[in-house]
Amino acid sequence: MLDDNDFALASAVDTSVVVLEELSLHPQPEVREAVAKNPNTPTEVLLKLGKEFPDAITANPIFNLLLLENPESHFVRLSLARSTTTSESAIAQLSKIEDEEILLAVARNPKTSLEILEELVENPPLFCDDENADESDFDELFTAIVQNPNTSESLLLQLAEDGSWNIKIAIAENPKTPLSLLNTFADWRNFSMHKAIARNPQAPSVILEKLAGENEKEIRDLVKNHPNVSETAIAIINFIEGKPGTSIDLLERLASDRRASVRLLVASHPSTPAKILEKLAQDTDEDVPFKAASHPNATSTVLEFFAEFLVKQRQRVSPSNRARYEESAVRLVRRSDITPKVLENLLQMNKYDVVSAIASSLKTPPTILLALTDYQNQSSSHIHFLINLAKNLNTPSDALEKLYLKINQTQHPNTIDGLHDIASHPNTPVHLLEQFAVHSRTDLRAKVAKNVNIPISILERLSNDSDSRVSSIAKQALKERA
């Protein structure tokens, strides 16, 4: 409620200068404006109030006297530059004065014509002391021109081209800024810029939908309360905030969002279908494919794309940064839902841990296992790789033959383990089983006796083996086949 007593004091011509000075700081604007109109108010107080109440200053009876006495005084010129009652010709004259405060007042005056604003941009007066002044010295002036209601779309475009960051922020808030420019600004990854766009009362729904996916809640809240906000923008905000009800159509749209953070949320969303995951598994961002591949809805096709991603990414980085991709490849090989194509892709890494995992996988087809028998590795652990191949139930007979020769020729404490695996493997060819059946080691003859595919003739021979344990195993096997 207006304080009538203070208002009356501020308006009275007999109020003392001391009281008027106090009232110029009054919390109610009506009282402060009354002080600005009071002819008894001192010039220094009027100067302070001029920015807030420019028209009240020029309407003050004392102003005309000051104008007559000293029309070129800073106070008079600044008051005229601020006032909306100043004529266009007077504003034009003021716009040529090399005084920053006056020029800023001219630029901010809603009565300043477009022609004057354009002239200030093209030929700004040199109010700087530095002879080498550049455009950055006019930031505040150009920002004021951007904010002037009479500025034009073409002038905004001109200032946007070479203007500073602060000028571009001001342009983003201007209702006259063209859609093409707002669209460009919206693609910039900057909180202040997005905040400015969201404050623009004319920002269209299509741009607000872009901003709706931002991580910062302040931006989302501005979008939510914008007069042009669309149902789609609200749905995007709900999605970002983890609220239920996101449609598949919206998930598909957001899977192409320029922000990796949004695509990552799509890859994590429980309703994201395999078709969208396939796209995300090929994403250029580091984390999105990982998330897509671990999704419950990930199909074999998703995993195939993810395998390609791992191979390509590993090739792009330095050797010291490859561990993540190699470890992920090993985990991928061990999944129960992988396909031969995944394994073929991952073999391109030519990394021992990955190849060894493929050699052990029951999803690896015989053709790949056969090819792996020629895999070369000079480390002492290569015998373990060969043993993994020999253990794999998918390893074909021709691969087992090659493995027998390689393992048998290896001087290693684990060589016998590899021979055990070959002797007991269901795909081991008969001629190798015959060799094992007459081997000097009783443990190998025992392994052969347990082989489910050993011919009866060999079993019968082993039933008479000199070792009682071997003969016992063979006799039991013959009994089970009878």
Protein backbone atom coordinates (compact mmCIF):
# COMPACT_ATOMS: atom_id res chain seq x y z
CA MET A 1 0.00 0.00 0.00
CA LEU A 2 1.23 3.48 -0.91
CA ASP A 3 2.47 5.55 2.03
CA ASP A 4 0.37 8.72 1.55
CA ASN A 5 2.41 10.80 3.98
CA ASP A 6 5.72 10.04 2.27
CA PHE A 7 4.14 10.55 -1.16
CA ALA A 8 2.81 13.94 -0.07
CA LEU A 9 6.23 14.92 1.25
CA ALA A 10 7.93 13.79 -1.97
CA SER A 11 5.46 15.87 -4.01
CA ALA A 12 5.47 19.04 -1.90
CA VAL A 13 7.57 21.91 -3.28
CA ASP A 14 8.49 23.07 0.21
CA THR A 15 10.00 19.72 1.29
CA SER A 16 13.60 20.15 2.36
CA VAL A 17 16.49 18.87 0.26
CA VAL A 18 17.57 16.58 3.08
CA VAL A 19 14.15 14.91 3.23
CA LEU A 20 13.98 14.60 -0.55
CA GLU A 21 17.36 12.89 -0.59
CA GLU A 22 16.08 10.39 1.98
CA LEU A 23 12.85 9.83 0.04
CA SER A 24 14.81 9.20 -3.17
CA LEU A 25 15.76 5.86 -1.58
CA HIS A 26 12.18 5.01 -0.57
CA PRO A 27 11.16 1.37 -1.24
CA GLN A 28 7.96 2.44 -3.06
CA PRO A 29 8.53 3.51 -6.70
CA GLU A 30 5.64 5.99 -6.59
CA VAL A 31 7.41 7.96 -3.87
CA ARG A 32 10.73 7.90 -5.72
CA GLU A 33 9.02 9.09 -8.90
CA ALA A 34 7.42 11.95 -7.01
CA VAL A 35 10.88 12.98 -5.85
CA ALA A 36 12.05 12.93 -9.48
CA LYS A 37 9.24 15.35 -10.39
CA ASN A 38 9.85 17.69 -7.48
CA PRO A 39 11.53 20.97 -8.59
CA ASN A 40 13.23 21.20 -5.22
CA THR A 41 15.15 17.94 -5.70
CA PRO A 42 18.89 18.61 -6.20
CA THR A 43 20.49 17.79 -9.55
CA GLU A 44 22.71 15.02 -8.19
CA VAL A 45 19.63 13.22 -6.85
CA LEU A 46 17.78 13.70 -10.14
CA LEU A 47 20.75 12.23 -11.94
CA LYS A 48 20.53 9.07 -9.84
CA LEU A 49 16.77 8.79 -10.39
CA GLY A 50 17.01 9.51 -14.11
CA LYS A 51 17.67 5.92 -15.16
CA GLU A 52 14.52 4.68 -13.41
CA PHE A 53 12.24 7.65 -14.15
CA PRO A 54 13.61 9.39 -17.28
CA ASP A 55 10.34 11.02 -18.29
CA ALA A 56 9.73 12.31 -14.77
CA ILE A 57 13.10 14.11 -14.89
CA THR A 58 12.37 15.92 -18.17
CA ALA A 59 8.86 16.73 -16.90
CA ASN A 60 10.30 18.35 -13.78
CA PRO A 61 9.85 22.18 -14.04
CA ILE A 62 13.47 22.64 -12.99
CA PHE A 63 14.68 20.71 -16.03
CA ASN A 64 13.63 23.41 -18.50
CA LEU A 65 15.62 25.97 -16.52
CA LEU A 66 18.66 23.69 -16.54
CA LEU A 67 18.19 23.13 -20.27
CA LEU A 68 18.23 26.88 -20.90
CA GLU A 69 21.14 27.56 -18.57
CA ASN A 70 23.46 24.82 -19.79
CA PRO A 71 22.07 22.69 -22.63
CA GLU A 72 25.43 20.91 -23.07
CA SER A 73 25.75 19.74 -19.48
CA HIS A 74 26.14 16.02 -18.93
CA PHE A 75 23.01 15.89 -16.77
CA VAL A 76 20.83 17.61 -19.38
CA ARG A 77 22.12 15.51 -22.27
CA LEU A 78 21.84 12.25 -20.33
CA SER A 79 18.30 13.10 -19.22
CA LEU A 80 17.27 13.87 -22.79
CA ALA A 81 18.92 10.68 -24.05
CA ARG A 82 16.92 8.66 -21.52
CA SER A 83 13.53 10.33 -21.97
CA THR A 84 10.88 8.98 -24.33
CA THR A 85 9.60 12.52 -24.84
CA THR A 86 12.81 13.64 -26.55
CA SER A 87 12.40 14.30 -30.27
CA GLU A 88 14.01 12.02 -32.85
CA SER A 89 16.16 14.84 -34.15
CA ALA A 90 17.46 15.53 -30.64
CA ILE A 91 18.19 11.83 -30.12
CA ALA A 92 20.04 11.79 -33.43
CA GLN A 93 22.25 14.66 -32.23
CA LEU A 94 22.86 12.95 -28.91
CA SER A 95 23.88 9.73 -30.70
CA LYS A 96 26.93 11.53 -32.10
CA ILE A 97 28.33 12.51 -28.71
CA GLU A 98 31.41 10.55 -27.69
CA ASP A 99 30.16 9.75 -24.21
CA GLU A 100 29.50 6.12 -23.26
CA GLU A 101 26.77 6.82 -20.71
CA ILE A 102 24.82 9.06 -23.10
CA LEU A 103 25.20 6.60 -25.99
CA LEU A 104 23.97 3.75 -23.79
CA ALA A 105 20.94 5.85 -22.85
CA VAL A 106 20.25 6.54 -26.54
CA ALA A 107 20.61 2.85 -27.38
CA ARG A 108 18.19 1.90 -24.60
CA ASN A 109 15.62 4.57 -25.35
CA PRO A 110 12.51 2.90 -26.85
CA LYS A 111 11.95 6.07 -28.94
CA THR A 112 15.32 5.76 -30.69
CA SER A 113 14.64 4.99 -34.35
CA LEU A 114 16.01 1.98 -36.22
CA GLU A 115 17.99 4.32 -38.45
CA ILE A 116 19.87 5.71 -35.45
CA LEU A 117 20.47 2.23 -34.04
CA GLU A 118 21.88 1.08 -37.38
CA GLU A 119 24.18 4.10 -37.53
CA LEU A 120 25.48 3.34 -34.03
CA VAL A 121 26.35 -0.17 -35.15
CA GLU A 122 28.01 0.90 -38.38
CA ASN A 123 29.86 3.92 -36.99
CA PRO A 124 29.94 3.87 -33.19
CA PRO A 125 31.49 7.06 -31.72
CA LEU A 126 34.87 6.48 -30.12
CA PHE A 127 34.13 7.04 -26.46
CA CYS A 128 37.12 4.89 -25.44
CA ASP A 129 40.43 6.49 -24.47
CA ASP A 130 42.35 3.77 -26.27
CA GLU A 131 42.99 4.69 -29.88
CA ASN A 132 43.07 1.00 -30.73
CA ALA A 133 39.53 0.36 -29.51
CA ASP A 134 37.89 -2.67 -31.10
CA GLU A 135 34.36 -4.06 -31.22
CA SER A 136 34.66 -5.66 -27.79
CA ASP A 137 34.77 -2.15 -26.33
CA PHE A 138 31.23 -1.61 -27.60
CA ASP A 139 29.76 -4.75 -26.02
CA GLU A 140 27.48 -2.88 -23.65
CA LEU A 141 26.38 -0.45 -26.36
CA PHE A 142 25.61 -3.20 -28.87
CA THR A 143 23.84 -5.25 -26.21
CA ALA A 144 21.60 -2.25 -25.48
CA ILE A 145 20.87 -1.95 -29.21
CA VAL A 146 19.94 -5.64 -29.33
CA GLN A 147 17.51 -5.10 -26.45
CA ASN A 148 15.91 -2.00 -27.99
CA PRO A 149 12.36 -2.77 -29.18
CA ASN A 150 13.02 -0.91 -32.46
CA THR A 151 15.93 -3.08 -33.51
CA SER A 152 15.35 -5.13 -36.64
CA GLU A 153 15.84 -8.76 -37.58
CA SER A 154 18.56 -7.82 -40.05
CA LEU A 155 20.41 -5.80 -37.41
CA LEU A 156 20.22 -8.75 -35.02
CA LEU A 157 21.70 -11.03 -37.67
CA GLN A 158 24.47 -8.51 -38.31
CA LEU A 159 25.36 -8.26 -34.62
CA ALA A 160 25.18 -12.03 -34.20
CA GLU A 161 27.78 -12.61 -36.89
CA ASP A 162 30.66 -10.79 -35.22
CA GLY A 163 29.28 -9.92 -31.81
CA SER A 164 30.67 -11.10 -28.51
CA TRP A 165 29.21 -13.84 -26.36
CA ASN A 166 27.24 -11.33 -24.26
CA ILE A 167 25.72 -9.84 -27.40
CA LYS A 168 24.70 -13.27 -28.65
CA ILE A 169 23.07 -14.04 -25.29
CA ALA A 170 21.05 -10.82 -25.59
CA ILE A 171 20.07 -11.71 -29.16
CA ALA A 172 18.83 -15.11 -27.99
CA GLU A 173 16.35 -13.37 -25.67
CA ASN A 174 15.05 -10.96 -28.32
CA PRO A 175 11.55 -11.83 -29.62
CA LYS A 176 12.56 -10.66 -33.11
CA THR A 177 15.46 -13.09 -33.46
CA PRO A 178 14.79 -15.35 -36.47
CA LEU A 179 14.13 -19.04 -36.01
CA SER A 180 17.25 -20.06 -37.95
CA LEU A 181 19.48 -18.17 -35.52
CA LEU A 182 17.69 -19.48 -32.43
CA ASN A 183 18.03 -22.98 -33.83
CA THR A 184 21.79 -22.50 -34.20
CA PHE A 185 22.07 -21.12 -30.68
CA ALA A 186 20.04 -24.04 -29.28
CA ASP A 187 22.62 -26.49 -30.66
CA TRP A 188 25.38 -24.84 -28.64
CA ARG A 189 26.22 -26.69 -25.45
CA ASN A 190 25.95 -23.73 -23.10
CA PHE A 191 23.73 -23.21 -20.07
CA SER A 192 23.57 -19.39 -20.34
CA MET A 193 22.61 -19.52 -24.01
CA HIS A 194 19.89 -22.11 -23.43
CA LYS A 195 18.57 -20.10 -20.50
CA ALA A 196 18.35 -17.00 -22.69
CA ILE A 197 16.48 -18.86 -25.42
CA ALA A 198 14.05 -20.31 -22.91
CA ARG A 199 13.33 -16.76 -21.71
CA ASN A 200 12.55 -15.58 -25.23
CA PRO A 201 8.74 -15.18 -25.30
CA GLN A 202 8.66 -15.99 -29.02
CA ALA A 203 10.81 -19.13 -28.87
CA PRO A 204 8.90 -21.69 -30.97
CA SER A 205 7.87 -25.10 -29.71
CA VAL A 206 10.35 -26.92 -31.96
CA ILE A 207 13.27 -25.18 -30.21
CA LEU A 208 11.73 -25.58 -26.78
CA GLU A 209 11.59 -29.32 -27.48
CA LYS A 210 15.34 -29.23 -28.03
CA LEU A 211 15.87 -27.53 -24.69
CA ALA A 212 13.46 -29.86 -22.89
CA GLY A 213 16.11 -32.58 -22.87
CA GLU A 214 18.70 -30.54 -21.00
CA ASN A 215 20.21 -31.90 -17.79
CA GLU A 216 19.77 -28.60 -15.92
CA LYS A 217 16.42 -28.45 -14.13
CA GLU A 218 16.36 -24.65 -14.37
CA ILE A 219 16.25 -24.89 -18.17
CA ARG A 220 13.54 -27.55 -18.08
CA ASP A 221 11.45 -25.45 -15.68
CA LEU A 222 11.69 -22.43 -17.98
CA VAL A 223 10.57 -24.59 -20.91
CA LYS A 224 7.74 -26.10 -18.88
CA ASN A 225 6.38 -22.62 -18.05
CA HIS A 226 6.91 -21.13 -21.53
CA PRO A 227 3.74 -19.99 -23.34
CA ASN A 228 4.73 -21.96 -26.47
CA VAL A 229 5.55 -25.22 -24.72
CA SER A 230 4.20 -28.27 -26.57
CA GLU A 231 2.95 -31.63 -25.34
CA THR A 232 6.05 -33.18 -26.86
CA ALA A 233 8.31 -30.88 -24.85
CA ILE A 234 6.45 -31.82 -21.67
CA ALA A 235 6.80 -35.51 -22.57
CA ILE A 236 10.55 -35.06 -23.10
CA ILE A 237 10.87 -33.34 -19.72
CA ASN A 238 8.97 -36.18 -18.07
CA PHE A 239 11.30 -38.67 -19.76
CA ILE A 240 14.42 -36.81 -18.61
CA GLU A 241 13.05 -36.69 -15.07
CA GLY A 242 12.34 -40.42 -15.08
CA LYS A 243 8.57 -40.22 -15.07
CA PRO A 244 6.63 -43.14 -16.62
CA GLY A 245 4.66 -43.04 -19.84
CA THR A 246 7.29 -42.30 -22.52
CA SER A 247 6.01 -43.48 -25.91
CA ILE A 248 8.02 -45.62 -28.31
CA ASP A 249 7.75 -42.85 -30.92
CA LEU A 250 9.36 -40.39 -28.54
CA LEU A 251 12.10 -42.86 -27.61
CA GLU A 252 12.84 -43.31 -31.30
CA ARG A 253 13.07 -39.55 -31.76
CA LEU A 254 15.29 -39.07 -28.72
CA ALA A 255 17.61 -41.85 -29.90
CA SER A 256 18.79 -39.32 -32.52
CA ASP A 257 19.14 -36.45 -30.06
CA ARG A 258 22.38 -34.49 -30.40
CA ARG A 259 23.07 -34.87 -26.66
CA ALA A 260 24.79 -38.09 -25.63
CA SER A 261 23.23 -37.77 -22.18
CA VAL A 262 19.75 -38.06 -23.70
CA ARG A 263 20.71 -41.00 -25.93
CA LEU A 264 22.22 -42.71 -22.88
CA LEU A 265 18.87 -42.37 -21.07
CA VAL A 266 17.10 -43.93 -24.07
CA ALA A 267 19.56 -46.83 -24.01
CA SER A 268 18.74 -47.30 -20.32
CA HIS A 269 14.98 -46.95 -20.59
CA PRO A 270 13.18 -50.24 -19.79
CA SER A 271 10.75 -49.83 -22.71
CA THR A 272 13.33 -49.17 -25.41
CA PRO A 273 12.76 -51.79 -28.15
CA ALA A 274 15.46 -53.74 -29.96
CA LYS A 275 15.13 -51.68 -33.14
CA ILE A 276 16.17 -48.53 -31.29
CA LEU A 277 18.88 -50.37 -29.37
CA GLU A 278 20.38 -51.50 -32.68
CA LYS A 279 20.86 -47.85 -33.60
CA LEU A 280 22.26 -46.92 -30.20
CA ALA A 281 24.71 -49.84 -30.33
CA GLN A 282 26.38 -48.00 -33.22
CA ASP A 283 26.43 -44.64 -31.44
CA THR A 284 29.53 -42.48 -31.69
CA ASP A 285 29.52 -41.68 -27.99
CA GLU A 286 31.70 -43.81 -25.75
CA ASP A 287 29.05 -44.95 -23.27
CA VAL A 288 25.84 -45.32 -25.28
CA PRO A 289 26.72 -48.61 -27.08
CA PHE A 290 27.79 -50.18 -23.78
CA LYS A 291 24.43 -49.32 -22.24
CA ALA A 292 22.49 -50.54 -25.30
CA ALA A 293 24.31 -53.88 -25.32
CA SER A 294 23.50 -54.49 -21.66
CA HIS A 295 19.79 -53.76 -22.14
CA PRO A 296 17.39 -56.69 -21.45
CA ASN A 297 15.82 -56.12 -24.89
CA ALA A 298 19.14 -56.34 -26.74
CA THR A 299 18.95 -58.87 -29.57
CA SER A 300 21.72 -60.71 -31.34
CA THR A 301 21.76 -57.92 -33.93
CA VAL A 302 22.39 -55.36 -31.18
CA LEU A 303 25.30 -57.46 -29.94
CA GLU A 304 26.69 -57.76 -33.46
CA PHE A 305 26.69 -53.97 -33.85
CA PHE A 306 28.24 -53.63 -30.40
CA ALA A 307 31.01 -56.05 -31.36
CA GLU A 308 31.79 -53.92 -34.42
CA PHE A 309 31.83 -50.85 -32.19
CA LEU A 310 34.33 -52.46 -29.79
CA VAL A 311 36.67 -53.44 -32.62
CA LYS A 312 36.58 -49.98 -34.23
CA GLN A 313 37.01 -48.11 -30.98
CA ARG A 314 39.95 -50.28 -29.95
CA GLN A 315 41.66 -49.48 -33.23
CA ARG A 316 41.18 -45.75 -32.71
CA VAL A 317 42.78 -45.47 -29.29
CA SER A 318 46.34 -45.88 -28.11
CA PRO A 319 47.46 -49.28 -26.75
CA SER A 320 47.36 -47.94 -23.19
CA ASN A 321 43.63 -47.20 -23.54
CA ARG A 322 42.46 -50.46 -25.08
CA ALA A 323 41.78 -52.42 -21.90
CA ARG A 324 38.16 -51.32 -21.61
CA TYR A 325 37.27 -52.62 -25.08
CA GLU A 326 39.19 -55.85 -24.67
CA GLU A 327 37.60 -56.63 -21.30
CA SER A 328 34.17 -55.84 -22.72
CA ALA A 329 34.87 -58.13 -25.67
CA VAL A 330 35.71 -61.01 -23.32
CA ARG A 331 32.48 -60.43 -21.36
CA LEU A 332 30.54 -60.31 -24.62
CA VAL A 333 32.03 -63.64 -25.77
CA ARG A 334 30.87 -65.26 -22.53
CA ARG A 335 27.26 -64.25 -23.01
CA SER A 336 24.82 -67.02 -23.81
CA ASP A 337 23.04 -65.06 -26.56
CA ILE A 338 25.96 -64.24 -28.86
CA THR A 339 26.08 -65.29 -32.49
CA PRO A 340 28.90 -66.56 -34.72
CA LYS A 341 28.94 -63.12 -36.36
CA VAL A 342 29.76 -61.52 -33.00
CA LEU A 343 32.65 -63.92 -32.57
CA GLU A 344 33.92 -63.30 -36.09
CA ASN A 345 33.87 -59.55 -35.46
CA LEU A 346 35.72 -59.85 -32.17
CA LEU A 347 38.41 -62.09 -33.67
CA GLN A 348 39.56 -58.99 -35.56
CA MET A 349 40.97 -57.63 -32.31
CA ASN A 350 43.63 -60.35 -32.46
CA LYS A 351 43.98 -60.01 -28.71
CA TYR A 352 44.98 -63.17 -26.81
CA ASP A 353 42.41 -62.84 -24.00
CA VAL A 354 39.61 -62.31 -26.52
CA VAL A 355 40.70 -65.12 -28.83
CA SER A 356 41.13 -67.47 -25.86
CA ALA A 357 37.59 -66.69 -24.67
CA ILE A 358 36.30 -67.47 -28.18
CA ALA A 359 38.22 -70.75 -28.16
CA SER A 360 36.42 -71.73 -24.94
CA SER A 361 32.93 -70.60 -25.95
CA LEU A 362 30.34 -73.30 -26.72
CA LYS A 363 28.79 -70.77 -29.12
CA THR A 364 31.86 -70.85 -31.34
CA PRO A 365 31.15 -72.86 -34.50
CA PRO A 366 33.49 -75.69 -35.64
CA THR A 367 34.77 -73.67 -38.61
CA ILE A 368 36.11 -70.93 -36.34
CA LEU A 369 37.56 -73.46 -33.90
CA LEU A 370 39.39 -75.18 -36.73
CA ALA A 371 40.83 -71.87 -37.89
CA LEU A 372 41.96 -71.08 -34.35
CA THR A 373 44.26 -74.10 -34.30
CA ASP A 374 46.61 -71.99 -36.44
CA TYR A 375 46.51 -69.03 -34.07
CA GLN A 376 50.07 -68.01 -33.21
CA ASN A 377 51.09 -66.82 -29.78
CA GLN A 378 54.64 -66.88 -28.51
CA SER A 379 53.83 -66.62 -24.82
CA SER A 380 54.16 -69.48 -22.37
CA SER A 381 50.39 -69.42 -21.94
CA HIS A 382 49.81 -70.63 -25.49
CA ILE A 383 49.50 -74.22 -24.25
CA HIS A 384 46.46 -73.13 -22.23
CA PHE A 385 44.92 -71.70 -25.40
CA LEU A 386 45.40 -75.04 -27.19
CA ILE A 387 43.92 -76.88 -24.21
CA ASN A 388 40.86 -74.58 -24.28
CA LEU A 389 40.35 -75.58 -27.91
CA ALA A 390 40.74 -79.26 -27.02
CA LYS A 391 38.13 -78.95 -24.28
CA ASN A 392 35.54 -77.25 -26.47
CA LEU A 393 32.86 -79.80 -27.38
CA ASN A 394 32.34 -78.06 -30.75
CA THR A 395 35.93 -78.62 -31.84
CA PRO A 396 35.81 -80.87 -34.96
CA SER A 397 37.89 -84.00 -35.54
CA ASP A 398 40.30 -82.41 -38.02
CA ALA A 399 41.01 -79.64 -35.50
CA LEU A 400 41.64 -82.22 -32.78
CA GLU A 401 44.17 -83.94 -35.00
CA LYS A 402 46.08 -80.69 -35.43
CA LEU A 403 45.84 -80.00 -31.70
CA TYR A 404 47.22 -83.45 -30.89
CA LEU A 405 50.32 -82.78 -32.96
CA LYS A 406 50.85 -79.31 -31.49
CA ILE A 407 50.23 -80.30 -27.87
CA ASN A 408 52.20 -83.54 -28.07
CA GLN A 409 55.21 -81.64 -29.35
CA THR A 410 55.03 -79.00 -26.60
CA GLN A 411 57.40 -79.32 -23.70
CA HIS A 412 55.20 -78.02 -20.90
CA PRO A 413 53.94 -79.36 -17.55
CA ASN A 414 50.36 -78.99 -18.81
CA THR A 415 50.92 -81.00 -22.00
CA ILE A 416 49.37 -84.10 -20.45
CA ASP A 417 46.20 -82.12 -19.59
CA GLY A 418 45.75 -81.33 -23.27
CA LEU A 419 46.23 -84.97 -24.23
CA HIS A 420 43.66 -85.95 -21.60
CA ASP A 421 41.12 -83.59 -23.21
CA ILE A 422 41.75 -84.97 -26.69
CA ALA A 423 41.57 -88.58 -25.47
CA SER A 424 38.18 -87.98 -23.89
CA HIS A 425 36.76 -85.69 -26.61
CA PRO A 426 33.72 -87.16 -28.44
CA ASN A 427 35.00 -85.88 -31.81
CA THR A 428 38.49 -87.35 -31.61
CA PRO A 429 39.13 -89.55 -34.69
CA VAL A 430 39.45 -93.33 -34.18
CA HIS A 431 43.08 -93.56 -35.24
CA LEU A 432 44.04 -91.18 -32.41
CA LEU A 433 41.94 -93.15 -29.94
CA GLU A 434 43.84 -96.26 -31.00
CA GLN A 435 47.14 -94.51 -30.28
CA PHE A 436 45.93 -93.44 -26.83
CA ALA A 437 44.69 -96.97 -26.15
CA VAL A 438 48.24 -98.33 -26.41
CA HIS A 439 49.92 -95.36 -24.76
CA SER A 440 52.39 -96.06 -21.98
CA ARG A 441 50.50 -93.79 -19.59
CA THR A 442 47.64 -95.56 -17.82
CA ASP A 443 45.81 -92.25 -17.24
CA LEU A 444 45.54 -91.71 -21.01
CA ARG A 445 44.32 -95.27 -21.56
CA ALA A 446 41.73 -94.66 -18.82
CA LYS A 447 40.55 -91.47 -20.55
CA VAL A 448 40.09 -93.38 -23.81
CA ALA A 449 38.12 -96.07 -22.01
CA LYS A 450 35.70 -93.39 -20.80
CA ASN A 451 35.28 -91.81 -24.26
CA VAL A 452 31.61 -92.20 -25.22
CA ASN A 453 32.48 -92.69 -28.89
CA ILE A 454 35.24 -95.26 -28.54
CA PRO A 455 34.73 -98.28 -30.83
CA ILE A 456 33.82 -101.62 -29.21
CA SER A 457 36.98 -103.24 -30.57
CA ILE A 458 39.19 -100.82 -28.66
CA LEU A 459 37.07 -101.23 -25.52
CA GLU A 460 37.43 -104.98 -25.69
CA ARG A 461 41.20 -104.65 -25.94
CA LEU A 462 41.28 -102.27 -22.99
CA SER A 463 39.13 -104.61 -20.92
CA ASN A 464 42.20 -106.86 -20.82
CA ASP A 465 44.58 -104.01 -19.99
CA SER A 466 47.43 -104.78 -17.62
CA ASP A 467 46.25 -101.96 -15.37
CA SER A 468 43.28 -103.07 -13.30
CA ARG A 469 41.75 -99.58 -13.21
CA VAL A 470 41.80 -99.27 -17.00
CA SER A 471 40.39 -102.75 -17.52
CA SER A 472 37.68 -102.09 -14.95
CA ILE A 473 36.58 -98.86 -16.75
CA ALA A 474 36.54 -100.64 -20.10
CA LYS A 475 34.53 -103.59 -18.76
CA GLN A 476 31.96 -101.21 -17.25
CA ALA A 477 31.67 -99.35 -20.57
CA LEU A 478 31.14 -102.65 -22.44
CA LYS A 479 28.49 -103.64 -19.94
CA GLU A 480 26.64 -100.34 -20.45
CA ARG A 481 26.68 -100.82 -24.22
CA ALA A 482 25.43 -104.37 -24.11
